[in-house]
Each structure stands twice: as C-alpha cells, then as structure tokens.
Amino acid sequence: MVSSTRQSGAPVWASPVCLVLTAIGIGLATYLTIAHYDTHIPLVCAAKGAIDCEAVTTSPQSKVFGIPVALLGLAYFVGMIPWHLPVAWRSADPRIKFGRLLYGLSGIGFVCYLVYAEAVIIKKVCLWCTGVHITTLVLFVVTVFASALAIPHDAATDEDDDDDDLEDADN
C-alpha cells in the first residue's frame, strides 16, 4: 500500500514547506526592492565593520544589466510559486521535476555570485541579503530532498500490486 505521506510520489509536505519558504523569500525581496526604489524607507541594518546593508545595496554589484538585484530576487521567488504548487508536485511529467530543480539551481548559482560579490568585491555583508541567500539555499535543499524522495506514480502502483501478490501467496 502506498504511504499516506506521498502525493503521486512526492512527499505531501513538499509543496507547503516550499511555498512557505517562497513566501519568506518574497517578503525579504519585497522589502529590499521597496528600500531600493524608495529612499525614504531605511534598511534596518547596522552599519558597523563588515555588516553594512546600505553599502551592499547601493554598490555597483547591486544591479545586473541595470536591473536591481533585489527586483531580480523578487521575480525569482514569484516565478518559483508555480513550481511548488501542489499540482506541480503531483505531476508525473518529468519536465516539471527537472524544471523545478533547474530553476532552483539557477537561484543557487546567482546566490553564489552575490556572496562572492559581498565577500570579495564589496567586502561588506547585508544581513537582509543573507536572509535571501539562506532562504534560497534552504528552498533548494528541500526541493532536492523532496524530489529524491519522490517515487514515480507507476512504481508506487507496481509496489501495491507486488504487496497484493505477496498477500495472495500467503493465503
């Protein structure tokens, strides 16, 4: 019998956990985007030593091709929503699973660049940005873990058939 903890092979917790992490990412990225465009909204962040959000968010590295990194982060998390809807996790289409993993990997790649920019080029750290980076990393790890736990729907059905066959053999 298929465990009640799975939806077509995906753990039932995958969608809600990933959507909560996505919502956290949207919240953080929204705050950073608003603070970028509205200078009346201060970034609540210490400006001592290596921690200086303003230095990071106003640096040349805070834009990619003229687009604020905060806005790119917001777009990334909003774009993540469809990949983590329950219907997407229930889908048997391997392109959905591959697309979700590839999209998450693109986020991790961008985070690696941003961490490098903070640590090596700017030599300052933004705590809000770090929150986005950690959220992106955790979201990716959870996605990979949940995807690894997923079993194809046909395999789950075959497993049920095998269990029934064993029960018939015992009788």
Foldseek 3Di string as FASTA:
>chain_A
DDDPQDQQQFGPVQLVVLLVLLVLQLVLLVLLVCVLVDVVRDDPWDDDQQADQVLLCPDPVCDDPNHGPSVVSNVLSVVLNVLRHPVLRNDLDVVSLVVNLVSLVVVLVVLVVSVCCSVPPSSHDYPSSVSSNVSSVVSNVSSVVRSVSGDHSVVSVVVVVVVVVVVVVVD
